[in-house]
Amino acid sequence: MSLLVLASAAVTPVVIHEVLDAPLQKAFITGEGWTRLSLADFENVNGTPETWTEKDGVIICSGKPNGGARMKKELTNFEMVVEWKHHKYAGNAGVFLWCPESAFTDLPPGTLPRTGIEVQVLDLGYEERHLKNKGKHSDWFTSHGDVFPVGKSKMTAFTPEITYKDKDGKPYKVGNPKSSRSFPTERLTNAVGEWNHYYIRAINGEVRLWVNGKEVNGGKNCQPAKGFLALESEGSRCDYRNIMIRELP
């Protein structure tokens, strides 16, 4: 068992990762004020009864139709953890923060939330497929925890542009200096069929993301900086578990 402390000026959450027989990280949160979420804490906005189900503590999203499940309570400052796992190669999903009510009002089936800050939940196959089909690496997205504003939302990216190296050590650039999409400083996402762990801190219009234990991404000056948390359905099955949240001053 290893102990990981995620420290900041505002809060000092402690996350313990217990490594089981399989290469799986199971998150445990210590300290007061944490609430464990279940599917009952969310509203199925524009999906069918089969889009969102729950079994043995795992929220299962079929991915069909595209849409969202919105938390019933509005949030301002908070921190959360969530584990997620894709079941399909190149699967797509996301966690939306600070979505206004208008993001969901009369949202047609097959339509994603209109506004909010998205923390990308994307399988590695999405990037791999782009490389295979285009013959070059993507220059505008990654599969390792991009953070970006959707619709009318705004955000100043911490990392609007970054240079990575491919498997042969050749550099390639993603993004540009004016991008509002923020790219991770480390590429830590596990592959399809494996669980991934996100710790997200959203305080005073600033979002920070830790992927599998390390801080890699974020943005500031988010507008709006108050709203609903939502899980995204976008085409294929994605499971969510161990969702815990703590509201902050």
C-alpha atoms as a PDB file:
ATOM      1  CA  MET A   1       0.000   0.000   0.000  1.00  0.00           C
ATOM      2  CA  SER A   2       1.280   3.467  -0.891  1.00  0.00           C
ATOM      3  CA  LEU A   3       0.189   6.848   0.408  1.00  0.00           C
ATOM      4  CA  LEU A   4      -0.293   9.810  -1.934  1.00  0.00           C
ATOM      5  CA  VAL A   5      -0.832  13.317  -0.586  1.00  0.00           C
ATOM      6  CA  LEU A   6      -2.264  15.906  -2.974  1.00  0.00           C
ATOM      7  CA  ALA A   7      -1.403  19.275  -1.444  1.00  0.00           C
ATOM      8  CA  SER A   8      -2.544  22.794  -2.250  1.00  0.00           C
ATOM      9  CA  ALA A   9      -2.796  26.151  -0.581  1.00  0.00           C
ATOM     10  CA  ALA A  10      -6.535  25.712  -0.151  1.00  0.00           C
ATOM     11  CA  VAL A  11      -6.937  22.093   0.856  1.00  0.00           C
ATOM     12  CA  THR A  12      -4.870  19.019   1.566  1.00  0.00           C
ATOM     13  CA  PRO A  13      -6.840  15.965   0.481  1.00  0.00           C
ATOM     14  CA  VAL A  14      -5.308  12.569   1.142  1.00  0.00           C
ATOM     15  CA  VAL A  15      -5.862   9.720  -1.280  1.00  0.00           C
ATOM     16  CA  ILE A  16      -4.683   6.211  -0.486  1.00  0.00           C
ATOM     17  CA  HIS A  17      -4.163   3.822  -3.383  1.00  0.00           C
ATOM     18  CA  GLU A  18      -4.318   0.132  -2.519  1.00  0.00           C
ATOM     19  CA  VAL A  19      -2.793  -2.002  -5.259  1.00  0.00           C
ATOM     20  CA  LEU A  20      -4.725  -5.261  -5.563  1.00  0.00           C
ATOM     21  CA  ASP A  21      -3.786  -8.416  -7.491  1.00  0.00           C
ATOM     22  CA  ALA A  22      -4.821  -6.753 -10.741  1.00  0.00           C
ATOM     23  CA  PRO A  23      -3.134  -3.472 -11.763  1.00  0.00           C
ATOM     24  CA  LEU A  24      -6.037  -1.518 -10.312  1.00  0.00           C
ATOM     25  CA  GLN A  25      -6.070   1.565  -8.118  1.00  0.00           C
ATOM     26  CA  LYS A  26      -8.880   1.832  -5.614  1.00  0.00           C
ATOM     27  CA  ALA A  27      -9.367   5.290  -4.149  1.00  0.00           C
ATOM     28  CA  PHE A  28     -10.104   5.945  -0.488  1.00  0.00           C
ATOM     29  CA  ILE A  29     -10.648   9.449   0.866  1.00  0.00           C
ATOM     30  CA  THR A  30      -9.910  10.494   4.442  1.00  0.00           C
ATOM     31  CA  GLY A  31     -11.103  13.590   6.251  1.00  0.00           C
ATOM     32  CA  GLU A  32     -14.535  15.004   6.996  1.00  0.00           C
ATOM     33  CA  GLY A  33     -17.119  16.363   4.608  1.00  0.00           C
ATOM     34  CA  TRP A  34     -16.859  13.816   1.801  1.00  0.00           C
ATOM     35  CA  THR A  35     -20.042  12.432   0.251  1.00  0.00           C
ATOM     36  CA  ARG A  36     -20.180   9.297  -1.868  1.00  0.00           C
ATOM     37  CA  LEU A  37     -22.400   9.711  -4.912  1.00  0.00           C
ATOM     38  CA  SER A  38     -24.637   7.116  -6.538  1.00  0.00           C
ATOM     39  CA  LEU A  39     -26.854   7.250  -9.595  1.00  0.00           C
ATOM     40  CA  ALA A  40     -29.648   8.483  -7.307  1.00  0.00           C
ATOM     41  CA  ASP A  41     -27.737  11.770  -6.962  1.00  0.00           C
ATOM     42  CA  PHE A  42     -28.029  12.388 -10.711  1.00  0.00           C
ATOM     43  CA  GLU A  43     -30.865  13.243 -13.078  1.00  0.00           C
ATOM     44  CA  ASN A  44     -31.045  11.479 -16.444  1.00  0.00           C
ATOM     45  CA  VAL A  45     -31.347  14.594 -18.610  1.00  0.00           C
ATOM     46  CA  ASN A  46     -31.963  13.332 -22.136  1.00  0.00           C
ATOM     47  CA  GLY A  47     -31.183   9.623 -22.242  1.00  0.00           C
ATOM     48  CA  THR A  48     -33.331   6.504 -22.150  1.00  0.00           C
ATOM     49  CA  PRO A  49     -33.778   4.384 -19.006  1.00  0.00           C
ATOM     50  CA  GLU A  50     -31.038   2.133 -20.411  1.00  0.00           C
ATOM     51  CA  THR A  51     -28.505   4.946 -20.851  1.00  0.00           C
ATOM     52  CA  TRP A  52     -27.708   5.187 -17.144  1.00  0.00           C
ATOM     53  CA  THR A  53     -27.876   2.202 -14.797  1.00  0.00           C
ATOM     54  CA  GLU A  54     -26.085   1.148 -11.619  1.00  0.00           C
ATOM     55  CA  LYS A  55     -24.813  -2.240 -10.479  1.00  0.00           C
ATOM     56  CA  ASP A  56     -22.639  -3.136  -7.488  1.00  0.00           C
ATOM     57  CA  GLY A  57     -21.712   0.496  -6.918  1.00  0.00           C
ATOM     58  CA  VAL A  58     -20.720   1.129 -10.536  1.00  0.00           C
ATOM     59  CA  ILE A  59     -22.609   3.705 -12.626  1.00  0.00           C
ATOM     60  CA  ILE A  60     -22.839   2.255 -16.122  1.00  0.00           C
ATOM     61  CA  CYS A  61     -23.296   4.551 -19.094  1.00  0.00           C
ATOM     62  CA  SER A  62     -24.270   2.776 -22.303  1.00  0.00           C
ATOM     63  CA  GLY A  63     -23.166   5.791 -24.339  1.00  0.00           C
ATOM     64  CA  LYS A  64     -26.412   5.851 -26.294  1.00  0.00           C
ATOM     65  CA  PRO A  65     -27.830   8.302 -27.021  1.00  0.00           C
ATOM     66  CA  ASN A  66     -25.352  11.137 -26.570  1.00  0.00           C
ATOM     67  CA  GLY A  67     -26.291  13.302 -23.619  1.00  0.00           C
ATOM     68  CA  GLY A  68     -25.717  13.723 -19.928  1.00  0.00           C
ATOM     69  CA  ALA A  69     -26.669  12.797 -16.379  1.00  0.00           C
ATOM     70  CA  ARG A  70     -26.751  15.925 -14.234  1.00  0.00           C
ATOM     71  CA  MET A  71     -26.127  16.037 -10.502  1.00  0.00           C
ATOM     72  CA  LYS A  72     -29.271  17.253  -8.749  1.00  0.00           C
ATOM     73  CA  LYS A  73     -27.384  19.734  -6.573  1.00  0.00           C
ATOM     74  CA  GLU A  74     -25.669  22.875  -7.850  1.00  0.00           C
ATOM     75  CA  LEU A  75     -22.024  23.389  -6.826  1.00  0.00           C
ATOM     76  CA  THR A  76     -19.570  26.275  -6.559  1.00  0.00           C
ATOM     77  CA  ASN A  77     -16.282  25.306  -4.903  1.00  0.00           C
ATOM     78  CA  PHE A  78     -15.579  21.588  -4.527  1.00  0.00           C
ATOM     79  CA  GLU A  79     -13.162  18.723  -4.938  1.00  0.00           C
ATOM     80  CA  MET A  80     -14.002  15.267  -6.209  1.00  0.00           C
ATOM     81  CA  VAL A  81     -12.601  11.895  -7.137  1.00  0.00           C
ATOM     82  CA  VAL A  82     -13.932   9.513  -9.758  1.00  0.00           C
ATOM     83  CA  GLU A  83     -12.711   6.303 -11.316  1.00  0.00           C
ATOM     84  CA  TRP A  84     -13.662   5.560 -14.911  1.00  0.00           C
ATOM     85  CA  LYS A  85     -13.176   2.760 -17.427  1.00  0.00           C
ATOM     86  CA  HIS A  86     -13.938   2.531 -21.126  1.00  0.00           C
ATOM     87  CA  HIS A  87     -15.180  -0.754 -22.585  1.00  0.00           C
ATOM     88  CA  LYS A  88     -14.696   0.128 -26.257  1.00  0.00           C
ATOM     89  CA  TYR A  89     -11.499   1.034 -28.081  1.00  0.00           C
ATOM     90  CA  ALA A  90     -11.467   4.790 -28.823  1.00  0.00           C
ATOM     91  CA  GLY A  91     -14.388   5.359 -26.448  1.00  0.00           C
ATOM     92  CA  ASN A  92     -15.357   8.935 -25.584  1.00  0.00           C
ATOM     93  CA  ALA A  93     -16.952  10.469 -22.467  1.00  0.00           C
ATOM     94  CA  GLY A  94     -16.345  13.271 -19.986  1.00  0.00           C
ATOM     95  CA  VAL A  95     -17.027  14.948 -16.656  1.00  0.00           C
ATOM     96  CA  PHE A  96     -18.657  18.384 -16.984  1.00  0.00           C
ATOM     97  CA  LEU A  97     -18.199  21.057 -14.290  1.00  0.00           C
ATOM     98  CA  TRP A  98     -20.117  24.270 -13.592  1.00  0.00           C
ATOM     99  CA  CYS A  99     -22.865  23.724 -16.151  1.00  0.00           C
ATOM    100  CA  PRO A 100     -25.665  26.312 -15.915  1.00  0.00           C
ATOM    101  CA  GLU A 101     -29.289  25.195 -15.958  1.00  0.00           C
ATOM    102  CA  SER A 102     -29.508  26.362 -19.572  1.00  0.00           C
ATOM    103  CA  ALA A 103     -27.014  23.666 -20.562  1.00  0.00           C
ATOM    104  CA  PHE A 104     -29.718  21.055 -20.015  1.00  0.00           C
ATOM    105  CA  THR A 105     -33.061  22.826 -20.501  1.00  0.00           C
ATOM    106  CA  ASP A 106     -35.096  20.996 -23.161  1.00  0.00           C
ATOM    107  CA  LEU A 107     -31.934  19.248 -24.337  1.00  0.00           C
ATOM    108  CA  PRO A 108     -32.921  16.911 -27.204  1.00  0.00           C
ATOM    109  CA  PRO A 109     -31.848  13.244 -27.082  1.00  0.00           C
ATOM    110  CA  GLY A 110     -28.509  12.770 -28.812  1.00  0.00           C
ATOM    111  CA  THR A 111     -27.292  16.240 -27.789  1.00  0.00           C
ATOM    112  CA  LEU A 112     -24.400  16.898 -25.405  1.00  0.00           C
ATOM    113  CA  PRO A 113     -24.584  19.523 -22.620  1.00  0.00           C
ATOM    114  CA  ARG A 114     -24.475  22.976 -24.217  1.00  0.00           C
ATOM    115  CA  THR A 115     -22.167  24.707 -21.744  1.00  0.00           C
ATOM    116  CA  GLY A 116     -19.640  23.866 -19.034  1.00  0.00           C
ATOM    117  CA  ILE A 117     -16.012  23.024 -18.386  1.00  0.00           C
ATOM    118  CA  GLU A 118     -15.288  19.526 -19.655  1.00  0.00           C
ATOM    119  CA  VAL A 119     -12.680  17.240 -18.158  1.00  0.00           C
ATOM    120  CA  GLN A 120     -12.118  14.798 -21.010  1.00  0.00           C
ATOM    121  CA  VAL A 121     -12.561  11.048 -20.456  1.00  0.00           C
ATOM    122  CA  LEU A 122     -11.105   9.610 -23.651  1.00  0.00           C
ATOM    123  CA  ASP A 123      -9.651   6.207 -24.477  1.00  0.00           C
ATOM    124  CA  LEU A 124      -6.109   6.042 -25.830  1.00  0.00           C
ATOM    125  CA  GLY A 125      -7.464   4.454 -28.998  1.00  0.00           C
ATOM    126  CA  TYR A 126      -8.928   7.793 -30.046  1.00  0.00           C
ATOM    127  CA  GLU A 127      -5.435   9.233 -30.525  1.00  0.00           C
ATOM    128  CA  GLU A 128      -4.077   5.987 -31.967  1.00  0.00           C
ATOM    129  CA  ARG A 129      -6.862   5.858 -34.553  1.00  0.00           C
ATOM    130  CA  HIS A 130      -6.176   9.477 -35.545  1.00  0.00           C
ATOM    131  CA  LEU A 131      -2.491   8.655 -36.069  1.00  0.00           C
ATOM    132  CA  LYS A 132      -3.338   5.603 -38.165  1.00  0.00           C
ATOM    133  CA  ASN A 133      -5.936   7.378 -40.305  1.00  0.00           C
ATOM    134  CA  LYS A 134      -4.156  10.718 -40.743  1.00  0.00           C
ATOM    135  CA  GLY A 135      -0.567   9.536 -40.725  1.00  0.00           C
ATOM    136  CA  LYS A 136       0.343  12.121 -38.098  1.00  0.00           C
ATOM    137  CA  HIS A 137      -0.276  12.858 -34.435  1.00  0.00           C
ATOM    138  CA  SER A 138      -3.245  14.994 -33.455  1.00  0.00           C
ATOM    139  CA  ASP A 139      -2.374  18.669 -33.103  1.00  0.00           C
ATOM    140  CA  TRP A 140      -5.542  19.639 -31.208  1.00  0.00           C
ATOM    141  CA  PHE A 141      -6.421  16.932 -28.641  1.00  0.00           C
ATOM    142  CA  THR A 142      -4.934  14.190 -26.460  1.00  0.00           C
ATOM    143  CA  SER A 143      -6.328  11.116 -24.703  1.00  0.00           C
ATOM    144  CA  HIS A 144      -4.732  11.962 -21.360  1.00  0.00           C
ATOM    145  CA  GLY A 145      -7.078  14.442 -19.667  1.00  0.00           C
ATOM    146  CA  ASP A 146      -7.702  17.567 -21.736  1.00  0.00           C
ATOM    147  CA  VAL A 147      -9.653  20.326 -19.937  1.00  0.00           C
ATOM    148  CA  PHE A 148     -11.641  22.843 -21.986  1.00  0.00           C
ATOM    149  CA  PRO A 149     -14.695  25.131 -22.047  1.00  0.00           C
ATOM    150  CA  VAL A 150     -17.779  24.051 -23.995  1.00  0.00           C
ATOM    151  CA  GLY A 151     -20.261  26.353 -25.715  1.00  0.00           C
ATOM    152  CA  LYS A 152     -20.461  29.804 -24.103  1.00  0.00           C
ATOM    153  CA  SER A 153     -18.212  28.851 -21.185  1.00  0.00           C
ATOM    154  CA  LYS A 154     -14.775  30.463 -20.940  1.00  0.00           C
ATOM    155  CA  MET A 155     -11.448  29.351 -19.498  1.00  0.00           C
ATOM    156  CA  THR A 156      -7.806  30.421 -19.645  1.00  0.00           C
ATOM    157  CA  ALA A 157      -5.801  27.252 -20.264  1.00  0.00           C
ATOM    158  CA  PHE A 158      -2.761  26.478 -18.123  1.00  0.00           C
ATOM    159  CA  THR A 159      -1.205  24.631 -21.068  1.00  0.00           C
ATOM    160  CA  PRO A 160      -2.687  25.882 -24.353  1.00  0.00           C
ATOM    161  CA  GLU A 161       0.294  24.534 -26.279  1.00  0.00           C
ATOM    162  CA  ILE A 162       2.701  21.695 -25.528  1.00  0.00           C
ATOM    163  CA  THR A 163       5.319  19.583 -27.274  1.00  0.00           C
ATOM    164  CA  TYR A 164       5.363  15.813 -26.804  1.00  0.00           C
ATOM    165  CA  LYS A 165       7.681  13.145 -28.162  1.00  0.00           C
ATOM    166  CA  ASP A 166       6.502  10.089 -30.063  1.00  0.00           C
ATOM    167  CA  LYS A 167       7.748   6.544 -29.455  1.00  0.00           C
ATOM    168  CA  ASP A 168      10.779   7.266 -31.624  1.00  0.00           C
ATOM    169  CA  GLY A 169      11.658  10.423 -29.699  1.00  0.00           C
ATOM    170  CA  LYS A 170      10.489  12.761 -32.463  1.00  0.00           C
ATOM    171  CA  PRO A 171       8.792  15.921 -31.103  1.00  0.00           C
ATOM    172  CA  TYR A 172       5.316  17.021 -32.155  1.00  0.00           C
ATOM    173  CA  LYS A 173       3.245  19.993 -31.012  1.00  0.00           C
ATOM    174  CA  VAL A 174      -0.348  20.041 -29.781  1.00  0.00           C
ATOM    175  CA  GLY A 175      -2.404  23.238 -29.455  1.00  0.00           C
ATOM    176  CA  ASN A 176      -1.469  26.873 -29.984  1.00  0.00           C
ATOM    177  CA  PRO A 177      -0.817  29.908 -27.739  1.00  0.00           C
ATOM    178  CA  LYS A 178      -4.405  31.169 -28.154  1.00  0.00           C
ATOM    179  CA  SER A 179      -6.129  27.850 -27.427  1.00  0.00           C
ATOM    180  CA  SER A 180      -8.666  27.712 -24.592  1.00  0.00           C
ATOM    181  CA  ARG A 181      -8.167  23.946 -24.482  1.00  0.00           C
ATOM    182  CA  SER A 182      -5.586  22.860 -21.916  1.00  0.00           C
ATOM    183  CA  PHE A 183      -3.315  19.858 -22.509  1.00  0.00           C
ATOM    184  CA  PRO A 184      -1.765  17.535 -19.891  1.00  0.00           C
ATOM    185  CA  THR A 185       1.885  17.915 -18.959  1.00  0.00           C
ATOM    186  CA  GLU A 186       2.165  14.128 -18.537  1.00  0.00           C
ATOM    187  CA  ARG A 187       0.470  11.313 -20.472  1.00  0.00           C
ATOM    188  CA  LEU A 188      -0.756   8.909 -17.777  1.00  0.00           C
ATOM    189  CA  THR A 189      -4.098   7.451 -18.930  1.00  0.00           C
ATOM    190  CA  ASN A 190      -4.525   3.660 -18.810  1.00  0.00           C
ATOM    191  CA  ALA A 191      -5.835   1.730 -21.812  1.00  0.00           C
ATOM    192  CA  VAL A 192      -9.348   0.463 -22.617  1.00  0.00           C
ATOM    193  CA  GLY A 193     -10.628  -2.026 -20.042  1.00  0.00           C
ATOM    194  CA  GLU A 194      -8.498  -0.557 -17.233  1.00  0.00           C
ATOM    195  CA  TRP A 195      -9.652   1.765 -14.463  1.00  0.00           C
ATOM    196  CA  ASN A 196      -8.370   5.342 -14.315  1.00  0.00           C
ATOM    197  CA  HIS A 197      -8.441   7.667 -11.322  1.00  0.00           C
ATOM    198  CA  TYR A 198      -9.227  11.395 -11.520  1.00  0.00           C
ATOM    199  CA  TYR A 199      -8.953  13.893  -8.704  1.00  0.00           C
ATOM    200  CA  ILE A 200     -10.508  17.233  -9.689  1.00  0.00           C
ATOM    201  CA  ARG A 201     -10.358  20.457  -7.695  1.00  0.00           C
ATOM    202  CA  ALA A 202     -12.648  23.330  -8.747  1.00  0.00           C
ATOM    203  CA  ILE A 203     -12.222  26.488  -6.656  1.00  0.00           C
ATOM    204  CA  ASN A 204     -12.896  30.154  -7.408  1.00  0.00           C
ATOM    205  CA  GLY A 205     -13.061  29.650 -11.158  1.00  0.00           C
ATOM    206  CA  GLU A 206      -9.948  27.473 -11.303  1.00  0.00           C
ATOM    207  CA  VAL A 207      -9.925  23.783 -12.274  1.00  0.00           C
ATOM    208  CA  ARG A 208      -7.036  21.415 -11.603  1.00  0.00           C
ATOM    209  CA  LEU A 209      -6.849  17.758 -12.660  1.00  0.00           C
ATOM    210  CA  TRP A 210      -4.783  14.871 -11.310  1.00  0.00           C
ATOM    211  CA  VAL A 211      -4.651  11.708 -13.479  1.00  0.00           C
ATOM    212  CA  ASN A 212      -3.738   8.463 -11.734  1.00  0.00           C
ATOM    213  CA  GLY A 213      -2.092  10.304  -8.871  1.00  0.00           C
ATOM    214  CA  LYS A 214      -0.292  13.199 -10.591  1.00  0.00           C
ATOM    215  CA  GLU A 215      -1.394  16.745 -11.322  1.00  0.00           C
ATOM    216  CA  VAL A 216      -1.255  17.223 -15.087  1.00  0.00           C
ATOM    217  CA  ASN A 217      -3.694  19.888 -16.235  1.00  0.00           C
ATOM    218  CA  GLY A 218      -6.112  22.718 -15.565  1.00  0.00           C
ATOM    219  CA  GLY A 219      -7.318  26.213 -16.271  1.00  0.00           C
ATOM    220  CA  LYS A 220      -8.339  29.477 -14.591  1.00  0.00           C
ATOM    221  CA  ASN A 221     -10.780  32.354 -15.072  1.00  0.00           C
ATOM    222  CA  CYS A 222     -13.598  29.904 -15.736  1.00  0.00           C
ATOM    223  CA  GLN A 223     -16.979  31.413 -16.561  1.00  0.00           C
ATOM    224  CA  PRO A 224     -19.369  30.426 -15.172  1.00  0.00           C
ATOM    225  CA  ALA A 225     -17.767  29.197 -11.952  1.00  0.00           C
ATOM    226  CA  LYS A 226     -20.963  27.820 -10.464  1.00  0.00           C
ATOM    227  CA  GLY A 227     -23.356  25.206 -11.761  1.00  0.00           C
ATOM    228  CA  PHE A 228     -24.065  21.514 -12.074  1.00  0.00           C
ATOM    229  CA  LEU A 229     -21.734  18.545 -12.296  1.00  0.00           C
ATOM    230  CA  ALA A 230     -22.589  16.133 -15.115  1.00  0.00           C
ATOM    231  CA  LEU A 231     -21.403  12.814 -16.496  1.00  0.00           C
ATOM    232  CA  GLU A 232     -21.289  12.616 -20.284  1.00  0.00           C
ATOM    233  CA  SER A 233     -22.675   9.923 -22.559  1.00  0.00           C
ATOM    234  CA  GLU A 234     -20.959   9.960 -25.935  1.00  0.00           C
ATOM    235  CA  GLY A 235     -21.278   6.855 -28.053  1.00  0.00           C
ATOM    236  CA  SER A 236     -19.988   3.849 -26.144  1.00  0.00           C
ATOM    237  CA  ARG A 237     -20.041   2.247 -22.712  1.00  0.00           C
ATOM    238  CA  CYS A 238     -18.090   3.931 -19.942  1.00  0.00           C
ATOM    239  CA  ASP A 239     -18.258   2.945 -16.266  1.00  0.00           C
ATOM    240  CA  TYR A 240     -17.872   5.315 -13.309  1.00  0.00           C
ATOM    241  CA  ARG A 241     -17.297   4.289  -9.694  1.00  0.00           C
ATOM    242  CA  ASN A 242     -16.084   5.607  -6.329  1.00  0.00           C
ATOM    243  CA  ILE A 243     -17.430   9.075  -7.066  1.00  0.00           C
ATOM    244  CA  MET A 244     -16.896  11.190  -3.977  1.00  0.00           C
ATOM    245  CA  ILE A 245     -17.278  14.917  -3.562  1.00  0.00           C
ATOM    246  CA  ARG A 246     -16.547  17.525  -0.903  1.00  0.00           C
ATOM    247  CA  GLU A 247     -17.893  21.065  -1.059  1.00  0.00           C
ATOM    248  CA  LEU A 248     -15.444  23.818  -0.098  1.00  0.00           C
ATOM    249  CA  PRO A 249     -15.833  27.430   1.075  1.00  0.00           C
END
